[in-house]
Amino acid sequence: MVELGVLFGLLVAAVLVLLFVLLRRRSGNTENVDGRLIEQARRVQAYNDRVSYNAGAVHGSSPTMTDHYRP
């Protein structure tokens, strides 16, 4: 019975630590224009990657059909 208490105690402690880390990250915002532009570019790149490399695009079409990158 003590083992279950220790296990659940460790699980609760881990959840609290993760919540603290996530909430602390969210409160911080980018202060300058360069940081905002970098965040915007990464957000657009992540969206393009999700569109280009999802399961339907990878297995259901030709390899270059959904590529947004054109040299």
C-alpha atoms as a PDB file:
ATOM      1  CA  MET A   1       0.000   0.000   0.000  1.00  0.00           C
ATOM      2  CA  VAL A   2       2.894   2.339   0.718  1.00  0.00           C
ATOM      3  CA  GLU A   3       4.272   1.640  -2.743  1.00  0.00           C
ATOM      4  CA  LEU A   4       1.053   2.873  -4.364  1.00  0.00           C
ATOM      5  CA  GLY A   5       1.192   6.050  -2.306  1.00  0.00           C
ATOM      6  CA  VAL A   6       4.774   6.680  -3.394  1.00  0.00           C
ATOM      7  CA  LEU A   7       3.898   5.958  -7.023  1.00  0.00           C
ATOM      8  CA  PHE A   8       0.918   8.318  -7.045  1.00  0.00           C
ATOM      9  CA  GLY A   9       2.913  10.932  -5.158  1.00  0.00           C
ATOM     10  CA  LEU A  10       5.641  10.834  -7.801  1.00  0.00           C
ATOM     11  CA  LEU A  11       3.071  11.034 -10.577  1.00  0.00           C
ATOM     12  CA  VAL A  12       1.412  14.060  -8.995  1.00  0.00           C
ATOM     13  CA  ALA A  13       4.798  15.721  -8.498  1.00  0.00           C
ATOM     14  CA  ALA A  14       5.699  15.120 -12.155  1.00  0.00           C
ATOM     15  CA  VAL A  15       2.395  16.601 -13.320  1.00  0.00           C
ATOM     16  CA  LEU A  16       2.891  19.675 -11.149  1.00  0.00           C
ATOM     17  CA  VAL A  17       6.401  20.213 -12.489  1.00  0.00           C
ATOM     18  CA  LEU A  18       5.187  19.892 -16.086  1.00  0.00           C
ATOM     19  CA  LEU A  19       2.338  22.329 -15.455  1.00  0.00           C
ATOM     20  CA  PHE A  20       4.745  24.819 -13.912  1.00  0.00           C
ATOM     21  CA  VAL A  21       7.105  24.587 -16.893  1.00  0.00           C
ATOM     22  CA  LEU A  22       4.302  24.961 -19.434  1.00  0.00           C
ATOM     23  CA  LEU A  23       2.699  27.895 -17.672  1.00  0.00           C
ATOM     24  CA  ARG A  24       6.033  29.633 -17.262  1.00  0.00           C
ATOM     25  CA  ARG A  25       6.801  29.242 -20.975  1.00  0.00           C
ATOM     26  CA  ARG A  26       3.432  30.635 -21.984  1.00  0.00           C
ATOM     27  CA  SER A  27       3.753  33.800 -19.960  1.00  0.00           C
ATOM     28  CA  GLY A  28       6.923  34.822 -21.779  1.00  0.00           C
ATOM     29  CA  ASN A  29       6.363  36.690 -25.006  1.00  0.00           C
ATOM     30  CA  THR A  30       8.714  37.928 -27.635  1.00  0.00           C
ATOM     31  CA  GLU A  31       9.712  41.520 -27.012  1.00  0.00           C
ATOM     32  CA  ASN A  32      11.239  42.636 -30.299  1.00  0.00           C
ATOM     33  CA  VAL A  33      10.279  42.614 -33.960  1.00  0.00           C
ATOM     34  CA  ASP A  34      13.014  40.184 -35.001  1.00  0.00           C
ATOM     35  CA  GLY A  35      11.764  37.571 -32.556  1.00  0.00           C
ATOM     36  CA  ARG A  36       8.192  37.957 -33.785  1.00  0.00           C
ATOM     37  CA  LEU A  37       9.292  37.589 -37.405  1.00  0.00           C
ATOM     38  CA  ILE A  38      11.245  34.448 -36.530  1.00  0.00           C
ATOM     39  CA  GLU A  39       8.219  33.011 -34.710  1.00  0.00           C
ATOM     40  CA  GLN A  40       5.963  33.816 -37.666  1.00  0.00           C
ATOM     41  CA  ALA A  41       8.349  32.194 -40.153  1.00  0.00           C
ATOM     42  CA  ARG A  42       8.608  29.065 -38.003  1.00  0.00           C
ATOM     43  CA  ARG A  43       4.823  28.897 -37.630  1.00  0.00           C
ATOM     44  CA  VAL A  44       4.369  29.118 -41.423  1.00  0.00           C
ATOM     45  CA  GLN A  45       7.093  26.510 -41.981  1.00  0.00           C
ATOM     46  CA  ALA A  46       5.477  24.153 -39.464  1.00  0.00           C
ATOM     47  CA  TYR A  47       2.107  24.545 -41.209  1.00  0.00           C
ATOM     48  CA  ASN A  48       3.669  23.838 -44.604  1.00  0.00           C
ATOM     49  CA  ASP A  49       5.437  20.780 -43.209  1.00  0.00           C
ATOM     50  CA  ARG A  50       2.182  19.456 -41.732  1.00  0.00           C
ATOM     51  CA  VAL A  51       0.455  19.885 -45.091  1.00  0.00           C
ATOM     52  CA  SER A  52       3.293  18.435 -47.152  1.00  0.00           C
ATOM     53  CA  TYR A  53       4.144  15.449 -44.970  1.00  0.00           C
ATOM     54  CA  ASN A  54       0.805  14.236 -43.607  1.00  0.00           C
ATOM     55  CA  ALA A  55      -0.218  10.631 -44.237  1.00  0.00           C
ATOM     56  CA  GLY A  56      -2.550  11.443 -47.136  1.00  0.00           C
ATOM     57  CA  ALA A  57       0.021  13.548 -48.927  1.00  0.00           C
ATOM     58  CA  VAL A  58       2.810  11.041 -48.440  1.00  0.00           C
ATOM     59  CA  HIS A  59       0.912   7.855 -49.321  1.00  0.00           C
ATOM     60  CA  GLY A  60      -1.868   9.072 -51.590  1.00  0.00           C
ATOM     61  CA  SER A  61      -0.187  11.247 -54.217  1.00  0.00           C
ATOM     62  CA  SER A  62       2.954  11.819 -56.181  1.00  0.00           C
ATOM     63  CA  PRO A  63       5.932  13.024 -54.108  1.00  0.00           C
ATOM     64  CA  THR A  64       5.979  16.585 -55.457  1.00  0.00           C
ATOM     65  CA  MET A  65       2.248  17.221 -55.602  1.00  0.00           C
ATOM     66  CA  THR A  66       1.959  18.988 -52.239  1.00  0.00           C
ATOM     67  CA  ASP A  67       5.431  20.534 -52.007  1.00  0.00           C
ATOM     68  CA  HIS A  68       5.239  24.266 -51.372  1.00  0.00           C
ATOM     69  CA  TYR A  69       8.938  24.659 -51.983  1.00  0.00           C
ATOM     70  CA  ARG A  70       9.735  25.588 -55.550  1.00  0.00           C
ATOM     71  CA  PRO A  71      13.285  26.661 -56.363  1.00  0.00           C
END
